[in-house]
Amino acid sequence: METTPIPAIQRITSILWPSFLVAGVAAIVLFTAFDPVEVLANAGWGEHSRLGAYTIGFFILWLMTAISSAISCQFIRCKIPPRKNAASE
């Protein structure tokens, strides 16, 4: 059985789109509990407007979830040896 290669744009989109959705939900949950302006100020990032703090926070979350998705995709590409069928033993 021959498989066709997956186009690069489809591979990139399969990482970035789910991570974008998860980062959006994570930002809502996180910023409901914590003020992003205070979080960035306490982290040493200086003073930012509220919109800027939300934007920076979202992109940090998106980067973290994209890295997680990319690592998961890399693990899927690993060759896993087939298990022996218990019925055939």
PDB file of N, CA and C in Angstrom:
ATOM      1  N   MET A   1       0.844  -1.180   0.000  1.00  0.00           N
ATOM      2  CA  MET A   1       0.000   0.000   0.000  1.00  0.00           C
ATOM      3  C   MET A   1       0.887   1.240   0.000  1.00  0.00           C
ATOM      4  N   GLU A   2       0.692   2.071  -0.967  1.00  0.00           N
ATOM      5  CA  GLU A   2       1.511   3.268  -1.116  1.00  0.00           C
ATOM      6  C   GLU A   2       0.786   4.469  -0.516  1.00  0.00           C
ATOM      7  N   THR A   3       1.505   5.256   0.250  1.00  0.00           N
ATOM      8  CA  THR A   3       0.903   6.446   0.840  1.00  0.00           C
ATOM      9  C   THR A   3       1.443   7.678   0.141  1.00  0.00           C
ATOM     10  N   THR A   4       0.584   8.662  -0.007  1.00  0.00           N
ATOM     11  CA  THR A   4       1.017   9.923  -0.608  1.00  0.00           C
ATOM     12  C   THR A   4       1.506  10.851   0.490  1.00  0.00           C
ATOM     13  N   PRO A   5       2.549  11.626   0.222  1.00  0.00           N
ATOM     14  CA  PRO A   5       3.048  12.540   1.250  1.00  0.00           C
ATOM     15  C   PRO A   5       2.047  13.656   1.542  1.00  0.00           C
ATOM     16  N   ILE A   6       2.005  14.052   2.779  1.00  0.00           N
ATOM     17  CA  ILE A   6       1.106  15.132   3.194  1.00  0.00           C
ATOM     18  C   ILE A   6       1.769  16.461   2.866  1.00  0.00           C
ATOM     19  N   PRO A   7       1.059  17.383   2.201  1.00  0.00           N
ATOM     20  CA  PRO A   7       1.656  18.679   1.868  1.00  0.00           C
ATOM     21  C   PRO A   7       2.086  19.440   3.130  1.00  0.00           C
ATOM     22  N   ALA A   8       3.141  20.226   2.993  1.00  0.00           N
ATOM     23  CA  ALA A   8       3.698  20.967   4.131  1.00  0.00           C
ATOM     24  C   ALA A   8       2.672  21.911   4.752  1.00  0.00           C
ATOM     25  N   ILE A   9       1.865  22.588   3.941  1.00  0.00           N
ATOM     26  CA  ILE A   9       0.889  23.535   4.482  1.00  0.00           C
ATOM     27  C   ILE A   9      -0.147  22.805   5.328  1.00  0.00           C
ATOM     28  N   GLN A  10      -0.505  21.592   4.946  1.00  0.00           N
ATOM     29  CA  GLN A  10      -1.465  20.812   5.727  1.00  0.00           C
ATOM     30  C   GLN A  10      -0.848  20.367   7.048  1.00  0.00           C
ATOM     31  N   ARG A  11       0.433  20.003   7.034  1.00  0.00           N
ATOM     32  CA  ARG A  11       1.101  19.628   8.279  1.00  0.00           C
ATOM     33  C   ARG A  11       1.214  20.817   9.219  1.00  0.00           C
ATOM     34  N   ILE A  12       1.564  21.977   8.686  1.00  0.00           N
ATOM     35  CA  ILE A  12       1.691  23.181   9.516  1.00  0.00           C
ATOM     36  C   ILE A  12       0.338  23.587  10.084  1.00  0.00           C
ATOM     37  N   THR A  13      -0.696  23.542   9.249  1.00  0.00           N
ATOM     38  CA  THR A  13      -2.040  23.906   9.691  1.00  0.00           C
ATOM     39  C   THR A  13      -2.556  22.932  10.741  1.00  0.00           C
ATOM     40  N   SER A  14      -2.207  21.664  10.612  1.00  0.00           N
ATOM     41  CA  SER A  14      -2.669  20.678  11.595  1.00  0.00           C
ATOM     42  C   SER A  14      -2.017  20.881  12.955  1.00  0.00           C
ATOM     43  N   ILE A  15      -0.953  21.641  13.013  1.00  0.00           N
ATOM     44  CA  ILE A  15      -0.324  21.999  14.288  1.00  0.00           C
ATOM     45  C   ILE A  15      -0.850  23.342  14.788  1.00  0.00           C
ATOM     46  N   LEU A  16      -0.881  24.341  13.909  1.00  0.00           N
ATOM     47  CA  LEU A  16      -1.215  25.698  14.351  1.00  0.00           C
ATOM     48  C   LEU A  16      -2.695  25.907  14.665  1.00  0.00           C
ATOM     49  N   TRP A  17      -3.592  25.285  13.906  1.00  0.00           N
ATOM     50  CA  TRP A  17      -5.017  25.536  14.130  1.00  0.00           C
ATOM     51  C   TRP A  17      -5.503  24.974  15.465  1.00  0.00           C
ATOM     52  N   PRO A  18      -5.248  23.705  15.791  1.00  0.00           N
ATOM     53  CA  PRO A  18      -5.690  23.218  17.112  1.00  0.00           C
ATOM     54  C   PRO A  18      -5.011  23.964  18.258  1.00  0.00           C
ATOM     55  N   SER A  19      -3.737  24.307  18.092  1.00  0.00           N
ATOM     56  CA  SER A  19      -3.053  25.027  19.162  1.00  0.00           C
ATOM     57  C   SER A  19      -3.620  26.436  19.323  1.00  0.00           C
ATOM     58  N   PHE A  20      -4.086  27.056  18.242  1.00  0.00           N
ATOM     59  CA  PHE A  20      -4.738  28.363  18.317  1.00  0.00           C
ATOM     60  C   PHE A  20      -6.022  28.262  19.129  1.00  0.00           C
ATOM     61  N   LEU A  21      -6.819  27.233  18.869  1.00  0.00           N
ATOM     62  CA  LEU A  21      -8.078  27.067  19.592  1.00  0.00           C
ATOM     63  C   LEU A  21      -7.834  26.811  21.077  1.00  0.00           C
ATOM     64  N   VAL A  22      -6.871  25.952  21.392  1.00  0.00           N
ATOM     65  CA  VAL A  22      -6.566  25.658  22.790  1.00  0.00           C
ATOM     66  C   VAL A  22      -6.001  26.890  23.485  1.00  0.00           C
ATOM     67  N   ALA A  23      -5.147  27.652  22.798  1.00  0.00           N
ATOM     68  CA  ALA A  23      -4.593  28.872  23.391  1.00  0.00           C
ATOM     69  C   ALA A  23      -5.698  29.888  23.676  1.00  0.00           C
ATOM     70  N   GLY A  24      -6.692  29.963  22.807  1.00  0.00           N
ATOM     71  CA  GLY A  24      -7.814  30.866  23.051  1.00  0.00           C
ATOM     72  C   GLY A  24      -8.587  30.497  24.303  1.00  0.00           C
ATOM     73  N   VAL A  25      -8.881  29.228  24.460  1.00  0.00           N
ATOM     74  CA  VAL A  25      -9.590  28.765  25.660  1.00  0.00           C
ATOM     75  C   VAL A  25      -8.714  28.961  26.900  1.00  0.00           C
ATOM     76  N   ALA A  26      -7.423  28.629  26.782  1.00  0.00           N
ATOM     77  CA  ALA A  26      -6.508  28.797  27.909  1.00  0.00           C
ATOM     78  C   ALA A  26      -6.391  30.264  28.320  1.00  0.00           C
ATOM     79  N   ALA A  27      -6.381  31.165  27.343  1.00  0.00           N
ATOM     80  CA  ALA A  27      -6.306  32.595  27.658  1.00  0.00           C
ATOM     81  C   ALA A  27      -7.557  33.044  28.406  1.00  0.00           C
ATOM     82  N   ILE A  28      -8.707  32.574  27.986  1.00  0.00           N
ATOM     83  CA  ILE A  28      -9.954  32.935  28.676  1.00  0.00           C
ATOM     84  C   ILE A  28      -9.918  32.451  30.120  1.00  0.00           C
ATOM     85  N   VAL A  29      -9.526  31.192  30.309  1.00  0.00           N
ATOM     86  CA  VAL A  29      -9.482  30.633  31.656  1.00  0.00           C
ATOM     87  C   VAL A  29      -8.425  31.325  32.506  1.00  0.00           C
ATOM     88  N   LEU A  30      -7.231  31.487  31.960  1.00  0.00           N
ATOM     89  CA  LEU A  30      -6.132  32.083  32.709  1.00  0.00           C
ATOM     90  C   LEU A  30      -6.410  33.538  33.079  1.00  0.00           C
ATOM     91  N   PHE A  31      -6.879  34.313  32.109  1.00  0.00           N
ATOM     92  CA  PHE A  31      -7.074  35.733  32.358  1.00  0.00           C
ATOM     93  C   PHE A  31      -8.372  36.036  33.101  1.00  0.00           C
ATOM     94  N   THR A  32      -9.204  35.033  33.308  1.00  0.00           N
ATOM     95  CA  THR A  32     -10.341  35.188  34.205  1.00  0.00           C
ATOM     96  C   THR A  32      -9.856  35.184  35.648  1.00  0.00           C
ATOM     97  N   ALA A  33      -8.814  34.411  35.903  1.00  0.00           N
ATOM     98  CA  ALA A  33      -8.283  34.295  37.259  1.00  0.00           C
ATOM     99  C   ALA A  33      -7.173  35.306  37.558  1.00  0.00           C
ATOM    100  N   PHE A  34      -6.401  35.696  36.531  1.00  0.00           N
ATOM    101  CA  PHE A  34      -5.244  36.567  36.745  1.00  0.00           C
ATOM    102  C   PHE A  34      -5.304  37.763  35.810  1.00  0.00           C
ATOM    103  N   ASP A  35      -4.860  38.919  36.312  1.00  0.00           N
ATOM    104  CA  ASP A  35      -4.785  40.130  35.501  1.00  0.00           C
ATOM    105  C   ASP A  35      -3.499  40.072  34.678  1.00  0.00           C
ATOM    106  N   PRO A  36      -3.596  40.084  33.337  1.00  0.00           N
ATOM    107  CA  PRO A  36      -2.389  39.936  32.523  1.00  0.00           C
ATOM    108  C   PRO A  36      -1.402  41.090  32.694  1.00  0.00           C
ATOM    109  N   VAL A  37      -1.879  42.285  33.014  1.00  0.00           N
ATOM    110  CA  VAL A  37      -0.977  43.422  33.225  1.00  0.00           C
ATOM    111  C   VAL A  37      -0.100  43.160  34.443  1.00  0.00           C
ATOM    112  N   GLU A  38      -0.699  42.669  35.516  1.00  0.00           N
ATOM    113  CA  GLU A  38       0.074  42.363  36.719  1.00  0.00           C
ATOM    114  C   GLU A  38       1.018  41.186  36.508  1.00  0.00           C
ATOM    115  N   VAL A  39       0.576  40.183  35.763  1.00  0.00           N
ATOM    116  CA  VAL A  39       1.421  39.011  35.504  1.00  0.00           C
ATOM    117  C   VAL A  39       2.672  39.429  34.735  1.00  0.00           C
ATOM    118  N   LEU A  40       2.499  40.229  33.687  1.00  0.00           N
ATOM    119  CA  LEU A  40       3.653  40.668  32.904  1.00  0.00           C
ATOM    120  C   LEU A  40       4.562  41.592  33.701  1.00  0.00           C
ATOM    121  N   ALA A  41       3.970  42.461  34.522  1.00  0.00           N
ATOM    122  CA  ALA A  41       4.773  43.361  35.346  1.00  0.00           C
ATOM    123  C   ALA A  41       5.585  42.570  36.371  1.00  0.00           C
ATOM    124  N   ASN A  42       4.975  41.571  36.990  1.00  0.00           N
ATOM    125  CA  ASN A  42       5.680  40.738  37.972  1.00  0.00           C
ATOM    126  C   ASN A  42       6.730  39.846  37.315  1.00  0.00           C
ATOM    127  N   ALA A  43       6.548  39.533  36.033  1.00  0.00           N
ATOM    128  CA  ALA A  43       7.510  38.701  35.312  1.00  0.00           C
ATOM    129  C   ALA A  43       8.696  39.521  34.812  1.00  0.00           C
ATOM    130  N   GLY A  44       8.638  40.839  34.996  1.00  0.00           N
ATOM    131  CA  GLY A  44       9.743  41.686  34.572  1.00  0.00           C
ATOM    132  C   GLY A  44       9.654  42.165  33.135  1.00  0.00           C
ATOM    133  N   TRP A  45       8.481  42.124  32.549  1.00  0.00           N
ATOM    134  CA  TRP A  45       8.302  42.558  31.164  1.00  0.00           C
ATOM    135  C   TRP A  45       7.956  44.035  31.069  1.00  0.00           C
ATOM    136  N   GLY A  46       7.873  44.728  32.173  1.00  0.00           N
ATOM    137  CA  GLY A  46       7.579  46.158  32.160  1.00  0.00           C
ATOM    138  C   GLY A  46       6.097  46.438  32.094  1.00  0.00           C
ATOM    139  N   GLU A  47       5.787  47.713  31.907  1.00  0.00           N
ATOM    140  CA  GLU A  47       4.395  48.166  31.838  1.00  0.00           C
ATOM    141  C   GLU A  47       3.861  48.030  30.418  1.00  0.00           C
ATOM    142  N   HIS A  48       2.664  47.503  30.305  1.00  0.00           N
ATOM    143  CA  HIS A  48       1.988  47.349  29.020  1.00  0.00           C
ATOM    144  C   HIS A  48       0.537  47.760  29.179  1.00  0.00           C
ATOM    145  N   SER A  49      -0.073  48.144  28.074  1.00  0.00           N
ATOM    146  CA  SER A  49      -1.511  48.410  28.108  1.00  0.00           C
ATOM    147  C   SER A  49      -2.231  47.082  28.315  1.00  0.00           C
ATOM    148  N   ARG A  50      -3.481  47.162  28.688  1.00  0.00           N
ATOM    149  CA  ARG A  50      -4.251  45.942  28.926  1.00  0.00           C
ATOM    150  C   ARG A  50      -4.351  45.111  27.643  1.00  0.00           C
ATOM    151  N   LEU A  51      -4.622  45.758  26.517  1.00  0.00           N
ATOM    152  CA  LEU A  51      -4.720  45.035  25.249  1.00  0.00           C
ATOM    153  C   LEU A  51      -3.380  44.404  24.879  1.00  0.00           C
ATOM    154  N   GLY A  52      -2.299  45.136  25.106  1.00  0.00           N
ATOM    155  CA  GLY A  52      -0.972  44.592  24.830  1.00  0.00           C
ATOM    156  C   GLY A  52      -0.657  43.393  25.704  1.00  0.00           C
ATOM    157  N   ALA A  53      -1.054  43.463  26.968  1.00  0.00           N
ATOM    158  CA  ALA A  53      -0.810  42.344  27.890  1.00  0.00           C
ATOM    159  C   ALA A  53      -1.615  41.114  27.470  1.00  0.00           C
ATOM    160  N   TYR A  54      -2.872  41.304  27.080  1.00  0.00           N
ATOM    161  CA  TYR A  54      -3.679  40.179  26.600  1.00  0.00           C
ATOM    162  C   TYR A  54      -3.054  39.577  25.338  1.00  0.00           C
ATOM    163  N   THR A  55      -2.582  40.430  24.442  1.00  0.00           N
ATOM    164  CA  THR A  55      -1.984  39.961  23.189  1.00  0.00           C
ATOM    165  C   THR A  55      -0.715  39.168  23.448  1.00  0.00           C
ATOM    166  N   ILE A  56       0.169  39.704  24.276  1.00  0.00           N
ATOM    167  CA  ILE A  56       1.410  38.999  24.605  1.00  0.00           C
ATOM    168  C   ILE A  56       1.101  37.670  25.286  1.00  0.00           C
ATOM    169  N   GLY A  57       0.173  37.679  26.226  1.00  0.00           N
ATOM    170  CA  GLY A  57      -0.207  36.451  26.917  1.00  0.00           C
ATOM    171  C   GLY A  57      -0.766  35.408  25.973  1.00  0.00           C
ATOM    172  N   PHE A  58      -1.624  35.849  25.040  1.00  0.00           N
ATOM    173  CA  PHE A  58      -2.196  34.901  24.087  1.00  0.00           C
ATOM    174  C   PHE A  58      -1.113  34.290  23.209  1.00  0.00           C
ATOM    175  N   PHE A  59      -0.197  35.113  22.706  1.00  0.00           N
ATOM    176  CA  PHE A  59       0.844  34.575  21.831  1.00  0.00           C
ATOM    177  C   PHE A  59       1.806  33.656  22.575  1.00  0.00           C
ATOM    178  N   ILE A  60       2.056  33.924  23.845  1.00  0.00           N
ATOM    179  CA  ILE A  60       2.880  33.008  24.637  1.00  0.00           C
ATOM    180  C   ILE A  60       2.154  31.667  24.789  1.00  0.00           C
ATOM    181  N   LEU A  61       0.861  31.716  25.091  1.00  0.00           N
ATOM    182  CA  LEU A  61       0.077  30.486  25.204  1.00  0.00           C
ATOM    183  C   LEU A  61       0.018  29.746  23.869  1.00  0.00           C
ATOM    184  N   TRP A  62      -0.139  30.492  22.780  1.00  0.00           N
ATOM    185  CA  TRP A  62      -0.198  29.866  21.460  1.00  0.00           C
ATOM    186  C   TRP A  62       1.137  29.192  21.134  1.00  0.00           C
ATOM    187  N   LEU A  63       2.244  29.840  21.446  1.00  0.00           N
ATOM    188  CA  LEU A  63       3.553  29.250  21.211  1.00  0.00           C
ATOM    189  C   LEU A  63       3.722  27.964  22.011  1.00  0.00           C
ATOM    190  N   MET A  64       3.314  27.989  23.266  1.00  0.00           N
ATOM    191  CA  MET A  64       3.453  26.802  24.120  1.00  0.00           C
ATOM    192  C   MET A  64       2.595  25.643  23.599  1.00  0.00           C
ATOM    193  N   THR A  65       1.361  25.928  23.198  1.00  0.00           N
ATOM    194  CA  THR A  65       0.496  24.857  22.707  1.00  0.00           C
ATOM    195  C   THR A  65       0.933  24.386  21.318  1.00  0.00           C
ATOM    196  N   ALA A  66       1.507  25.269  20.504  1.00  0.00           N
ATOM    197  CA  ALA A  66       2.018  24.855  19.189  1.00  0.00           C
ATOM    198  C   ALA A  66       3.221  23.932  19.354  1.00  0.00           C
ATOM    199  N   ILE A  67       4.085  24.242  20.309  1.00  0.00           N
ATOM    200  CA  ILE A  67       5.229  23.363  20.574  1.00  0.00           C
ATOM    201  C   ILE A  67       4.732  22.000  21.040  1.00  0.00           C
ATOM    202  N   SER A  68       3.735  21.991  21.903  1.00  0.00           N
ATOM    203  CA  SER A  68       3.173  20.728  22.375  1.00  0.00           C
ATOM    204  C   SER A  68       2.578  19.926  21.219  1.00  0.00           C
ATOM    205  N   SER A  69       1.846  20.583  20.331  1.00  0.00           N
ATOM    206  CA  SER A  69       1.260  19.889  19.178  1.00  0.00           C
ATOM    207  C   SER A  69       2.338  19.364  18.236  1.00  0.00           C
ATOM    208  N   ALA A  70       3.385  20.151  18.024  1.00  0.00           N
ATOM    209  CA  ALA A  70       4.469  19.724  17.138  1.00  0.00           C
ATOM    210  C   ALA A  70       5.196  18.507  17.712  1.00  0.00           C
ATOM    211  N   ILE A  71       5.411  18.500  19.017  1.00  0.00           N
ATOM    212  CA  ILE A  71       6.053  17.348  19.644  1.00  0.00           C
ATOM    213  C   ILE A  71       5.168  16.110  19.506  1.00  0.00           C
ATOM    214  N   SER A  72       3.859  16.281  19.692  1.00  0.00           N
ATOM    215  CA  SER A  72       2.937  15.152  19.526  1.00  0.00           C
ATOM    216  C   SER A  72       2.991  14.614  18.099  1.00  0.00           C
ATOM    217  N   CYS A  73       3.018  15.498  17.120  1.00  0.00           N
ATOM    218  CA  CYS A  73       3.105  15.063  15.720  1.00  0.00           C
ATOM    219  C   CYS A  73       4.415  14.341  15.458  1.00  0.00           C
ATOM    220  N   GLN A  74       5.489  14.805  16.069  1.00  0.00           N
ATOM    221  CA  GLN A  74       6.780  14.140  15.901  1.00  0.00           C
ATOM    222  C   GLN A  74       6.735  12.733  16.485  1.00  0.00           C
ATOM    223  N   PHE A  75       6.089  12.569  17.633  1.00  0.00           N
ATOM    224  CA  PHE A  75       5.977  11.243  18.236  1.00  0.00           C
ATOM    225  C   PHE A  75       5.153  10.307  17.361  1.00  0.00           C
ATOM    226  N   ILE A  76       4.146  10.821  16.707  1.00  0.00           N
ATOM    227  CA  ILE A  76       3.311   9.992  15.838  1.00  0.00           C
ATOM    228  C   ILE A  76       4.117   9.488  14.644  1.00  0.00           C
ATOM    229  N   ARG A  77       5.054  10.292  14.171  1.00  0.00           N
ATOM    230  CA  ARG A  77       5.862   9.904  13.017  1.00  0.00           C
ATOM    231  C   ARG A  77       6.881   8.828  13.349  1.00  0.00           C
ATOM    232  N   CYS A  78       7.151   8.612  14.636  1.00  0.00           N
ATOM    233  CA  CYS A  78       8.118   7.581  15.031  1.00  0.00           C
ATOM    234  C   CYS A  78       7.608   6.208  14.612  1.00  0.00           C
ATOM    235  N   LYS A  79       8.519   5.370  14.226  1.00  0.00           N
ATOM    236  CA  LYS A  79       8.155   4.003  13.850  1.00  0.00           C
ATOM    237  C   LYS A  79       7.980   3.176  15.112  1.00  0.00           C
ATOM    238  N   ILE A  80       6.788   2.674  15.314  1.00  0.00           N
ATOM    239  CA  ILE A  80       6.484   1.852  16.480  1.00  0.00           C
ATOM    240  C   ILE A  80       6.431   0.408  15.989  1.00  0.00           C
ATOM    241  N   PRO A  81       7.235  -0.458  16.575  1.00  0.00           N
ATOM    242  CA  PRO A  81       7.190  -1.853  16.116  1.00  0.00           C
ATOM    243  C   PRO A  81       5.821  -2.466  16.389  1.00  0.00           C
ATOM    244  N   PRO A  82       5.317  -3.271  15.452  1.00  0.00           N
ATOM    245  CA  PRO A  82       3.995  -3.882  15.665  1.00  0.00           C
ATOM    246  C   PRO A  82       4.041  -4.873  16.812  1.00  0.00           C
ATOM    247  N   ARG A  83       2.955  -4.891  17.570  1.00  0.00           N
ATOM    248  CA  ARG A  83       2.844  -5.859  18.671  1.00  0.00           C
ATOM    249  C   ARG A  83       2.408  -7.192  18.125  1.00  0.00           C
ATOM    250  N   LYS A  84       2.850  -8.235  18.783  1.00  0.00           N
ATOM    251  CA  LYS A  84       2.416  -9.563  18.374  1.00  0.00           C
ATOM    252  C   LYS A  84       0.973  -9.771  18.795  1.00  0.00           C
ATOM    253  N   ASN A  85       0.244 -10.410  17.951  1.00  0.00           N
ATOM    254  CA  ASN A  85      -1.155 -10.692  18.235  1.00  0.00           C
ATOM    255  C   ASN A  85      -1.216 -11.796  19.288  1.00  0.00           C
ATOM    256  N   ALA A  86      -1.924 -11.547  20.358  1.00  0.00           N
ATOM    257  CA  ALA A  86      -2.028 -12.514  21.461  1.00  0.00           C
ATOM    258  C   ALA A  86      -2.708 -13.812  21.006  1.00  0.00           C
ATOM    259  N   ALA A  87      -3.593 -13.716  20.030  1.00  0.00           N
ATOM    260  CA  ALA A  87      -4.320 -14.900  19.556  1.00  0.00           C
ATOM    261  C   ALA A  87      -3.411 -15.834  18.762  1.00  0.00           C
ATOM    262  N   SER A  88      -2.368 -15.303  18.133  1.00  0.00           N
ATOM    263  CA  SER A  88      -1.506 -16.134  17.312  1.00  0.00           C
ATOM    264  C   SER A  88      -0.437 -16.846  18.127  1.00  0.00           C
ATOM    265  N   GLU A  89      -0.287 -16.504  19.406  1.00  0.00           N
ATOM    266  CA  GLU A  89       0.744 -17.132  20.245  1.00  0.00           C
ATOM    267  C   GLU A  89       0.298 -18.453  20.787  1.00  0.00           C
TER     268      GLU A  89
END
